[in-house]
Amino acid sequence: MKKQGPELGNLSSRFFAYTQLKKKDIIRTGELLPVLGITELQERDLLRRLAQSRWIVRLKRGVYLVPSRIPAGGGYSPGVALTLRKLMEEEDGRYQICGPAAFNFYGLDDQIPGSTSVYNNRISGSRTIGSLVFNFIKITDKRLGATEIFPVRKGDDAIIYSSKARTLMDAVYDWSRFDSLPRGYDWIRQEIKKDVNLVPSLVDTTICYGNQAAARRIGYMLDTLGQTARSINCLRRYLRNSKALISWIPGRPAKGSANRTWGVIVNG
């Protein structure tokens, strides 16, 4: 026999009657007290039970995401796009999906990550929201940017990813967080082979959102690929004078030939 989902009680039915009448998709603690004529303890217990039964989703402390229609048997799943949009609206912040989720989205890596990495300017750390797991990475406002907005199949929402150029750059810049080197070099090679016009965007993105180490590694790579002097010279002008050398592949022994032009030890 098919297992039946949880049923709504009288108070829960009144809750949804209110949210649908007022077309509410967000409910905050304290809002239901005068509407339903209940105590704070009753409200807290109601919201907890609805969230545990997956009729609604706890977005953050004291804030809940409510479906426009009552999901059959519970199981409300708002999706990544809606969840992030509503959360960032509550936080008054900005976001862009990055790292492994972006690697997979652009077809660079076929591994499906267990969580969605999100650059943003408000929160940090791992969070589970409904059935979704997020890894929030807080960065400064000036490091947010170089994004692409993509529509979502269901509904009118859209989702924000780092652009392909930004994703490739971050594979080099944020290699330790994403464990993306030396794989990232292969991704850059294959994407430039498919579209050489990606090079100027990669250079501009590195200058705007990267650092000296990323610029050296990407500059060396473009140099070895025989890219135009104009793009390479832009990166050279961005570099500060330094005699210190960095490893081409971080984490490996710094043994190999030294490229003084870019300040890297070619150790792989």
C-alpha atoms as a PDB file:
ATOM      1  CA  MET A   1       0.000   0.000   0.000  1.00  0.00           C
ATOM      2  CA  LYS A   2       1.288   3.458  -0.929  1.00  0.00           C
ATOM      3  CA  LYS A   3       2.353   5.455   2.081  1.00  0.00           C
ATOM      4  CA  GLN A   4       0.279   8.570   2.583  1.00  0.00           C
ATOM      5  CA  GLY A   5       1.917  11.929   3.220  1.00  0.00           C
ATOM      6  CA  PRO A   6       1.211  14.003   6.332  1.00  0.00           C
ATOM      7  CA  GLU A   7      -2.237  15.565   6.591  1.00  0.00           C
ATOM      8  CA  LEU A   8      -2.983  19.147   7.493  1.00  0.00           C
ATOM      9  CA  GLY A   9      -4.679  19.837  10.803  1.00  0.00           C
ATOM     10  CA  ASN A  10      -7.148  22.634  11.481  1.00  0.00           C
ATOM     11  CA  LEU A  11      -4.504  25.177  12.471  1.00  0.00           C
ATOM     12  CA  SER A  12      -2.295  24.324   9.509  1.00  0.00           C
ATOM     13  CA  SER A  13      -5.270  24.664   7.146  1.00  0.00           C
ATOM     14  CA  ARG A  14      -5.994  28.096   8.579  1.00  0.00           C
ATOM     15  CA  PHE A  15      -2.331  28.982   8.082  1.00  0.00           C
ATOM     16  CA  PHE A  16      -2.462  28.154   4.371  1.00  0.00           C
ATOM     17  CA  ALA A  17      -5.853  29.834   3.970  1.00  0.00           C
ATOM     18  CA  TYR A  18      -4.233  33.041   5.244  1.00  0.00           C
ATOM     19  CA  THR A  19      -1.073  32.800   3.107  1.00  0.00           C
ATOM     20  CA  GLN A  20      -3.075  32.065  -0.042  1.00  0.00           C
ATOM     21  CA  LEU A  21      -5.618  34.808   0.600  1.00  0.00           C
ATOM     22  CA  LYS A  22      -2.846  37.372   1.125  1.00  0.00           C
ATOM     23  CA  LYS A  23      -0.625  35.785  -1.557  1.00  0.00           C
ATOM     24  CA  LYS A  24       2.213  35.486   0.942  1.00  0.00           C
ATOM     25  CA  ASP A  25       5.375  33.604   0.038  1.00  0.00           C
ATOM     26  CA  ILE A  26       7.293  34.691   3.135  1.00  0.00           C
ATOM     27  CA  ILE A  27       6.120  34.338   6.737  1.00  0.00           C
ATOM     28  CA  ARG A  28       8.010  35.767   9.709  1.00  0.00           C
ATOM     29  CA  THR A  29       7.629  34.757  13.330  1.00  0.00           C
ATOM     30  CA  GLY A  30       5.130  36.945  15.154  1.00  0.00           C
ATOM     31  CA  GLU A  31       3.055  37.566  12.041  1.00  0.00           C
ATOM     32  CA  LEU A  32       0.543  34.799  12.776  1.00  0.00           C
ATOM     33  CA  LEU A  33      -0.273  35.753  16.360  1.00  0.00           C
ATOM     34  CA  PRO A  34      -3.073  38.246  15.651  1.00  0.00           C
ATOM     35  CA  VAL A  35      -4.179  36.502  12.438  1.00  0.00           C
ATOM     36  CA  LEU A  36      -4.742  33.035  13.893  1.00  0.00           C
ATOM     37  CA  GLY A  37      -5.289  34.139  17.498  1.00  0.00           C
ATOM     38  CA  ILE A  38      -2.516  31.931  18.854  1.00  0.00           C
ATOM     39  CA  THR A  39       0.331  32.299  21.353  1.00  0.00           C
ATOM     40  CA  GLU A  40       4.026  32.580  20.526  1.00  0.00           C
ATOM     41  CA  LEU A  41       4.518  28.989  21.674  1.00  0.00           C
ATOM     42  CA  GLN A  42       1.717  27.754  19.417  1.00  0.00           C
ATOM     43  CA  GLU A  43       3.105  29.700  16.470  1.00  0.00           C
ATOM     44  CA  ARG A  44       6.610  28.341  17.019  1.00  0.00           C
ATOM     45  CA  ASP A  45       5.240  24.778  17.237  1.00  0.00           C
ATOM     46  CA  LEU A  46       3.102  25.263  14.094  1.00  0.00           C
ATOM     47  CA  LEU A  47       5.988  26.569  11.988  1.00  0.00           C
ATOM     48  CA  ARG A  48       8.301  23.854  13.280  1.00  0.00           C
ATOM     49  CA  ARG A  49       5.839  21.088  12.394  1.00  0.00           C
ATOM     50  CA  LEU A  50       5.107  22.524   8.949  1.00  0.00           C
ATOM     51  CA  ALA A  51       8.830  22.794   8.194  1.00  0.00           C
ATOM     52  CA  GLN A  52       9.610  19.297   9.487  1.00  0.00           C
ATOM     53  CA  SER A  53       6.797  17.866   7.349  1.00  0.00           C
ATOM     54  CA  ARG A  54       8.131  19.885   4.371  1.00  0.00           C
ATOM     55  CA  TRP A  55       4.952  21.867   3.827  1.00  0.00           C
ATOM     56  CA  ILE A  56       7.079  25.014   4.105  1.00  0.00           C
ATOM     57  CA  VAL A  57      10.834  25.713   4.136  1.00  0.00           C
ATOM     58  CA  ARG A  58      12.780  27.457   6.900  1.00  0.00           C
ATOM     59  CA  LEU A  59      14.803  30.041   4.999  1.00  0.00           C
ATOM     60  CA  LYS A  60      16.623  31.436   8.042  1.00  0.00           C
ATOM     61  CA  ARG A  61      15.880  31.957  11.688  1.00  0.00           C
ATOM     62  CA  GLY A  62      12.365  33.365  11.995  1.00  0.00           C
ATOM     63  CA  VAL A  63      11.737  33.435   8.230  1.00  0.00           C
ATOM     64  CA  TYR A  64       9.874  30.776   6.261  1.00  0.00           C
ATOM     65  CA  LEU A  65       9.287  30.268   2.547  1.00  0.00           C
ATOM     66  CA  VAL A  66       5.691  29.280   1.725  1.00  0.00           C
ATOM     67  CA  PRO A  67       4.422  27.677  -1.512  1.00  0.00           C
ATOM     68  CA  SER A  68       1.785  29.442  -3.603  1.00  0.00           C
ATOM     69  CA  ARG A  69      -0.162  26.187  -3.667  1.00  0.00           C
ATOM     70  CA  ILE A  70      -0.347  23.516  -1.011  1.00  0.00           C
ATOM     71  CA  PRO A  71       1.980  20.695  -2.147  1.00  0.00           C
ATOM     72  CA  ALA A  72       0.310  17.284  -2.305  1.00  0.00           C
ATOM     73  CA  GLY A  73       1.410  15.351   0.763  1.00  0.00           C
ATOM     74  CA  GLY A  74       4.005  17.964   1.667  1.00  0.00           C
ATOM     75  CA  GLY A  75       7.350  17.861  -0.123  1.00  0.00           C
ATOM     76  CA  TYR A  76       7.633  21.543  -0.983  1.00  0.00           C
ATOM     77  CA  SER A  77      10.938  22.101  -2.812  1.00  0.00           C
ATOM     78  CA  PRO A  78      11.412  25.701  -3.987  1.00  0.00           C
ATOM     79  CA  GLY A  79      14.624  25.021  -5.921  1.00  0.00           C
ATOM     80  CA  VAL A  80      18.016  26.709  -5.879  1.00  0.00           C
ATOM     81  CA  ALA A  81      17.031  29.833  -7.850  1.00  0.00           C
ATOM     82  CA  LEU A  82      14.033  30.809  -5.720  1.00  0.00           C
ATOM     83  CA  THR A  83      15.750  29.872  -2.468  1.00  0.00           C
ATOM     84  CA  LEU A  84      18.800  32.018  -3.190  1.00  0.00           C
ATOM     85  CA  ARG A  85      16.744  34.951  -4.472  1.00  0.00           C
ATOM     86  CA  LYS A  86      14.529  35.028  -1.402  1.00  0.00           C
ATOM     87  CA  LEU A  87      17.425  34.508   1.009  1.00  0.00           C
ATOM     88  CA  MET A  88      19.460  37.322  -0.540  1.00  0.00           C
ATOM     89  CA  GLU A  89      16.423  39.598  -0.493  1.00  0.00           C
ATOM     90  CA  GLU A  90      16.124  38.933   3.245  1.00  0.00           C
ATOM     91  CA  GLU A  91      19.834  39.553   3.737  1.00  0.00           C
ATOM     92  CA  ASP A  92      19.867  42.568   1.379  1.00  0.00           C
ATOM     93  CA  GLY A  93      22.770  40.921  -0.399  1.00  0.00           C
ATOM     94  CA  ARG A  94      24.062  39.744  -3.766  1.00  0.00           C
ATOM     95  CA  TYR A  95      25.172  36.298  -4.871  1.00  0.00           C
ATOM     96  CA  GLN A  96      26.589  34.240  -7.717  1.00  0.00           C
ATOM     97  CA  ILE A  97      26.970  30.477  -7.932  1.00  0.00           C
ATOM     98  CA  CYS A  98      30.606  29.446  -8.241  1.00  0.00           C
ATOM     99  CA  GLY A  99      33.026  26.574  -7.764  1.00  0.00           C
ATOM    100  CA  PRO A 100      32.032  22.930  -8.378  1.00  0.00           C
ATOM    101  CA  ALA A 101      28.405  23.796  -9.226  1.00  0.00           C
ATOM    102  CA  ALA A 102      29.602  26.252 -11.887  1.00  0.00           C
ATOM    103  CA  PHE A 103      32.245  23.792 -13.152  1.00  0.00           C
ATOM    104  CA  ASN A 104      29.474  21.268 -13.726  1.00  0.00           C
ATOM    105  CA  PHE A 105      27.034  23.825 -15.171  1.00  0.00           C
ATOM    106  CA  TYR A 106      29.477  24.875 -17.891  1.00  0.00           C
ATOM    107  CA  GLY A 107      30.404  21.284 -18.687  1.00  0.00           C
ATOM    108  CA  LEU A 108      33.962  21.601 -17.400  1.00  0.00           C
ATOM    109  CA  ASP A 109      33.544  18.806 -14.872  1.00  0.00           C
ATOM    110  CA  ASP A 110      30.984  15.986 -15.030  1.00  0.00           C
ATOM    111  CA  GLN A 111      30.990  15.468 -11.263  1.00  0.00           C
ATOM    112  CA  ILE A 112      27.724  16.593  -9.640  1.00  0.00           C
ATOM    113  CA  PRO A 113      28.564  18.339  -6.345  1.00  0.00           C
ATOM    114  CA  GLY A 114      26.681  17.532  -3.159  1.00  0.00           C
ATOM    115  CA  SER A 115      26.312  21.223  -2.321  1.00  0.00           C
ATOM    116  CA  THR A 116      26.031  24.518  -4.167  1.00  0.00           C
ATOM    117  CA  SER A 117      28.928  26.948  -3.602  1.00  0.00           C
ATOM    118  CA  VAL A 118      27.791  30.562  -3.519  1.00  0.00           C
ATOM    119  CA  TYR A 119      29.890  33.718  -3.501  1.00  0.00           C
ATOM    120  CA  ASN A 120      27.952  36.433  -1.669  1.00  0.00           C
ATOM    121  CA  ASN A 121      28.491  39.555   0.408  1.00  0.00           C
ATOM    122  CA  ARG A 122      26.479  38.676   3.521  1.00  0.00           C
ATOM    123  CA  ILE A 123      26.840  35.180   4.973  1.00  0.00           C
ATOM    124  CA  SER A 124      29.368  32.357   5.221  1.00  0.00           C
ATOM    125  CA  GLY A 125      29.403  28.698   6.082  1.00  0.00           C
ATOM    126  CA  SER A 126      27.431  25.590   5.205  1.00  0.00           C
ATOM    127  CA  ARG A 127      23.629  25.708   5.433  1.00  0.00           C
ATOM    128  CA  THR A 128      20.873  23.249   4.678  1.00  0.00           C
ATOM    129  CA  ILE A 129      17.686  24.958   3.488  1.00  0.00           C
ATOM    130  CA  GLY A 130      14.881  22.494   2.902  1.00  0.00           C
ATOM    131  CA  SER A 131      16.417  19.691   0.867  1.00  0.00           C
ATOM    132  CA  LEU A 132      19.227  21.875  -0.492  1.00  0.00           C
ATOM    133  CA  VAL A 133      22.783  22.185   0.840  1.00  0.00           C
ATOM    134  CA  PHE A 134      24.724  25.413   0.285  1.00  0.00           C
ATOM    135  CA  ASN A 135      28.313  26.429   0.892  1.00  0.00           C
ATOM    136  CA  PHE A 136      28.173  30.201   1.340  1.00  0.00           C
ATOM    137  CA  ILE A 137      31.462  32.011   0.713  1.00  0.00           C
ATOM    138  CA  LYS A 138      31.450  35.618   1.893  1.00  0.00           C
ATOM    139  CA  ILE A 139      33.554  37.963  -0.235  1.00  0.00           C
ATOM    140  CA  THR A 140      33.813  41.734  -0.578  1.00  0.00           C
ATOM    141  CA  ASP A 141      31.436  43.708  -2.780  1.00  0.00           C
ATOM    142  CA  LYS A 142      34.218  44.556  -5.229  1.00  0.00           C
ATOM    143  CA  ARG A 143      34.935  40.860  -5.843  1.00  0.00           C
ATOM    144  CA  LEU A 144      31.330  40.140  -6.812  1.00  0.00           C
ATOM    145  CA  GLY A 145      30.750  40.431 -10.541  1.00  0.00           C
ATOM    146  CA  ALA A 146      31.316  38.915 -13.982  1.00  0.00           C
ATOM    147  CA  THR A 147      28.025  37.013 -13.891  1.00  0.00           C
ATOM    148  CA  GLU A 148      25.503  35.482 -16.263  1.00  0.00           C
ATOM    149  CA  ILE A 149      21.767  35.227 -15.574  1.00  0.00           C
ATOM    150  CA  PHE A 150      20.021  32.086 -16.780  1.00  0.00           C
ATOM    151  CA  PRO A 151      16.271  31.373 -16.819  1.00  0.00           C
ATOM    152  CA  VAL A 152      14.895  28.438 -14.889  1.00  0.00           C
ATOM    153  CA  ARG A 153      12.694  25.975 -16.740  1.00  0.00           C
ATOM    154  CA  LYS A 154       9.849  26.034 -14.239  1.00  0.00           C
ATOM    155  CA  GLY A 155       8.433  29.385 -13.231  1.00  0.00           C
ATOM    156  CA  ASP A 156       9.596  32.892 -13.932  1.00  0.00           C
ATOM    157  CA  ASP A 157      12.696  32.793 -11.728  1.00  0.00           C
ATOM    158  CA  ALA A 158      16.274  33.082 -12.909  1.00  0.00           C
ATOM    159  CA  ILE A 159      19.566  31.973 -11.447  1.00  0.00           C
ATOM    160  CA  ILE A 160      22.889  33.813 -11.319  1.00  0.00           C
ATOM    161  CA  TYR A 161      26.149  32.041 -12.121  1.00  0.00           C
ATOM    162  CA  SER A 162      29.661  33.358 -12.375  1.00  0.00           C
ATOM    163  CA  SER A 163      30.422  33.794 -16.087  1.00  0.00           C
ATOM    164  CA  LYS A 164      32.446  31.123 -17.839  1.00  0.00           C
ATOM    165  CA  ALA A 165      35.531  33.364 -17.822  1.00  0.00           C
ATOM    166  CA  ARG A 166      35.063  34.103 -14.116  1.00  0.00           C
ATOM    167  CA  THR A 167      34.550  30.403 -13.371  1.00  0.00           C
ATOM    168  CA  LEU A 168      37.777  29.492 -15.179  1.00  0.00           C
ATOM    169  CA  MET A 169      39.670  32.261 -13.410  1.00  0.00           C
ATOM    170  CA  ASP A 170      38.341  31.160 -10.016  1.00  0.00           C
ATOM    171  CA  ALA A 171      39.523  27.618 -10.727  1.00  0.00           C
ATOM    172  CA  VAL A 172      43.023  29.129 -10.603  1.00  0.00           C
ATOM    173  CA  TYR A 173      42.418  31.880  -8.028  1.00  0.00           C
ATOM    174  CA  ASP A 174      40.443  29.778  -5.522  1.00  0.00           C
ATOM    175  CA  TRP A 175      42.205  26.486  -6.235  1.00  0.00           C
ATOM    176  CA  SER A 176      42.674  25.547  -2.580  1.00  0.00           C
ATOM    177  CA  ARG A 177      38.966  25.931  -1.774  1.00  0.00           C
ATOM    178  CA  PHE A 178      37.729  24.145  -4.902  1.00  0.00           C
ATOM    179  CA  ASP A 179      40.601  21.648  -5.328  1.00  0.00           C
ATOM    180  CA  SER A 180      40.678  22.727  -8.973  1.00  0.00           C
ATOM    181  CA  LEU A 181      44.354  22.703  -9.981  1.00  0.00           C
ATOM    182  CA  PRO A 182      45.853  21.377 -12.163  1.00  0.00           C
ATOM    183  CA  ARG A 183      42.445  20.410 -13.681  1.00  0.00           C
ATOM    184  CA  GLY A 184      41.657  24.085 -14.166  1.00  0.00           C
ATOM    185  CA  TYR A 185      44.506  24.471 -16.653  1.00  0.00           C
ATOM    186  CA  ASP A 186      43.021  21.715 -18.808  1.00  0.00           C
ATOM    187  CA  TRP A 187      39.638  23.436 -18.694  1.00  0.00           C
ATOM    188  CA  ILE A 188      41.167  26.732 -19.822  1.00  0.00           C
ATOM    189  CA  ARG A 189      43.019  25.020 -22.672  1.00  0.00           C
ATOM    190  CA  GLN A 190      39.932  23.214 -23.939  1.00  0.00           C
ATOM    191  CA  GLU A 191      37.665  26.273 -23.697  1.00  0.00           C
ATOM    192  CA  ILE A 192      40.133  28.533 -25.520  1.00  0.00           C
ATOM    193  CA  LYS A 193      40.511  25.866 -28.200  1.00  0.00           C
ATOM    194  CA  LYS A 194      36.731  25.974 -28.691  1.00  0.00           C
ATOM    195  CA  ASP A 195      36.476  29.773 -28.522  1.00  0.00           C
ATOM    196  CA  VAL A 196      39.600  31.944 -28.750  1.00  0.00           C
ATOM    197  CA  ASN A 197      37.431  35.017 -28.086  1.00  0.00           C
ATOM    198  CA  LEU A 198      37.276  33.846 -24.475  1.00  0.00           C
ATOM    199  CA  VAL A 199      40.860  35.064 -23.927  1.00  0.00           C
ATOM    200  CA  PRO A 200      40.135  38.826 -23.546  1.00  0.00           C
ATOM    201  CA  SER A 201      37.317  38.063 -21.080  1.00  0.00           C
ATOM    202  CA  LEU A 202      39.591  35.775 -19.085  1.00  0.00           C
ATOM    203  CA  VAL A 203      42.296  38.454 -18.955  1.00  0.00           C
ATOM    204  CA  ASP A 204      39.865  41.221 -17.944  1.00  0.00           C
ATOM    205  CA  THR A 205      38.276  39.002 -15.296  1.00  0.00           C
ATOM    206  CA  THR A 206      41.667  38.077 -13.861  1.00  0.00           C
ATOM    207  CA  ILE A 207      42.654  41.740 -13.568  1.00  0.00           C
ATOM    208  CA  CYS A 208      39.322  42.773 -12.023  1.00  0.00           C
ATOM    209  CA  TYR A 209      38.666  39.857  -9.655  1.00  0.00           C
ATOM    210  CA  GLY A 210      41.866  37.852  -9.340  1.00  0.00           C
ATOM    211  CA  ASN A 211      45.193  38.422  -7.598  1.00  0.00           C
ATOM    212  CA  GLN A 212      48.867  38.428  -8.469  1.00  0.00           C
ATOM    213  CA  ALA A 213      49.267  34.660  -8.180  1.00  0.00           C
ATOM    214  CA  ALA A 214      46.295  33.976 -10.474  1.00  0.00           C
ATOM    215  CA  ALA A 215      47.562  36.544 -12.979  1.00  0.00           C
ATOM    216  CA  ARG A 216      51.011  34.928 -13.067  1.00  0.00           C
ATOM    217  CA  ARG A 217      49.682  31.427 -13.566  1.00  0.00           C
ATOM    218  CA  ILE A 218      47.113  32.411 -16.179  1.00  0.00           C
ATOM    219  CA  GLY A 219      49.606  34.703 -17.929  1.00  0.00           C
ATOM    220  CA  TYR A 220      52.157  31.895 -18.171  1.00  0.00           C
ATOM    221  CA  MET A 221      49.507  29.560 -19.542  1.00  0.00           C
ATOM    222  CA  LEU A 222      48.342  32.013 -22.210  1.00  0.00           C
ATOM    223  CA  ASP A 223      51.956  32.645 -23.144  1.00  0.00           C
ATOM    224  CA  THR A 224      52.589  28.936 -23.687  1.00  0.00           C
ATOM    225  CA  LEU A 225      49.409  28.718 -25.771  1.00  0.00           C
ATOM    226  CA  GLY A 226      50.734  31.436 -28.069  1.00  0.00           C
ATOM    227  CA  GLN A 227      47.968  33.948 -27.388  1.00  0.00           C
ATOM    228  CA  THR A 228      48.093  37.504 -28.687  1.00  0.00           C
ATOM    229  CA  ALA A 229      50.673  39.889 -27.294  1.00  0.00           C
ATOM    230  CA  ARG A 230      47.929  42.417 -26.537  1.00  0.00           C
ATOM    231  CA  SER A 231      46.166  40.143 -24.038  1.00  0.00           C
ATOM    232  CA  ILE A 232      49.420  38.965 -22.489  1.00  0.00           C
ATOM    233  CA  ASN A 233      50.777  42.499 -22.154  1.00  0.00           C
ATOM    234  CA  CYS A 234      47.647  43.539 -20.242  1.00  0.00           C
ATOM    235  CA  LEU A 235      48.448  40.930 -17.615  1.00  0.00           C
ATOM    236  CA  ARG A 236      52.134  41.883 -17.553  1.00  0.00           C
ATOM    237  CA  ARG A 237      51.246  45.516 -16.828  1.00  0.00           C
ATOM    238  CA  TYR A 238      48.983  44.343 -14.009  1.00  0.00           C
ATOM    239  CA  LEU A 239      51.808  42.431 -12.290  1.00  0.00           C
ATOM    240  CA  ARG A 240      53.895  44.082  -9.583  1.00  0.00           C
ATOM    241  CA  ASN A 241      57.656  43.776  -9.677  1.00  0.00           C
ATOM    242  CA  SER A 242      58.735  40.833  -7.582  1.00  0.00           C
ATOM    243  CA  LYS A 243      61.650  38.429  -7.563  1.00  0.00           C
ATOM    244  CA  ALA A 244      59.713  35.803  -5.609  1.00  0.00           C
ATOM    245  CA  LEU A 245      58.623  32.720  -7.548  1.00  0.00           C
ATOM    246  CA  ILE A 246      55.408  30.751  -7.101  1.00  0.00           C
ATOM    247  CA  SER A 247      54.670  27.171  -8.113  1.00  0.00           C
ATOM    248  CA  TRP A 248      52.807  26.602 -11.345  1.00  0.00           C
ATOM    249  CA  ILE A 249      50.971  23.739  -9.620  1.00  0.00           C
ATOM    250  CA  PRO A 250      50.526  24.616  -5.942  1.00  0.00           C
ATOM    251  CA  GLY A 251      50.796  21.777  -3.463  1.00  0.00           C
ATOM    252  CA  ARG A 252      53.503  19.982  -5.420  1.00  0.00           C
ATOM    253  CA  PRO A 253      57.234  20.234  -4.706  1.00  0.00           C
ATOM    254  CA  ALA A 254      58.634  23.461  -6.144  1.00  0.00           C
ATOM    255  CA  LYS A 255      61.048  21.692  -8.452  1.00  0.00           C
ATOM    256  CA  GLY A 256      61.316  22.620 -12.106  1.00  0.00           C
ATOM    257  CA  SER A 257      62.453  25.323 -14.477  1.00  0.00           C
ATOM    258  CA  ALA A 258      61.940  28.966 -13.513  1.00  0.00           C
ATOM    259  CA  ASN A 259      60.035  31.296 -15.817  1.00  0.00           C
ATOM    260  CA  ARG A 260      61.188  34.761 -14.774  1.00  0.00           C
ATOM    261  CA  THR A 261      58.792  36.546 -17.082  1.00  0.00           C
ATOM    262  CA  TRP A 262      55.810  35.330 -15.094  1.00  0.00           C
ATOM    263  CA  GLY A 263      57.557  34.478 -11.865  1.00  0.00           C
ATOM    264  CA  VAL A 264      56.537  30.813 -11.772  1.00  0.00           C
ATOM    265  CA  ILE A 265      58.366  27.573 -11.169  1.00  0.00           C
ATOM    266  CA  VAL A 266      57.116  25.150 -13.818  1.00  0.00           C
ATOM    267  CA  ASN A 267      56.735  22.095 -11.594  1.00  0.00           C
ATOM    268  CA  GLY A 268      54.361  20.072 -13.746  1.00  0.00           C
END
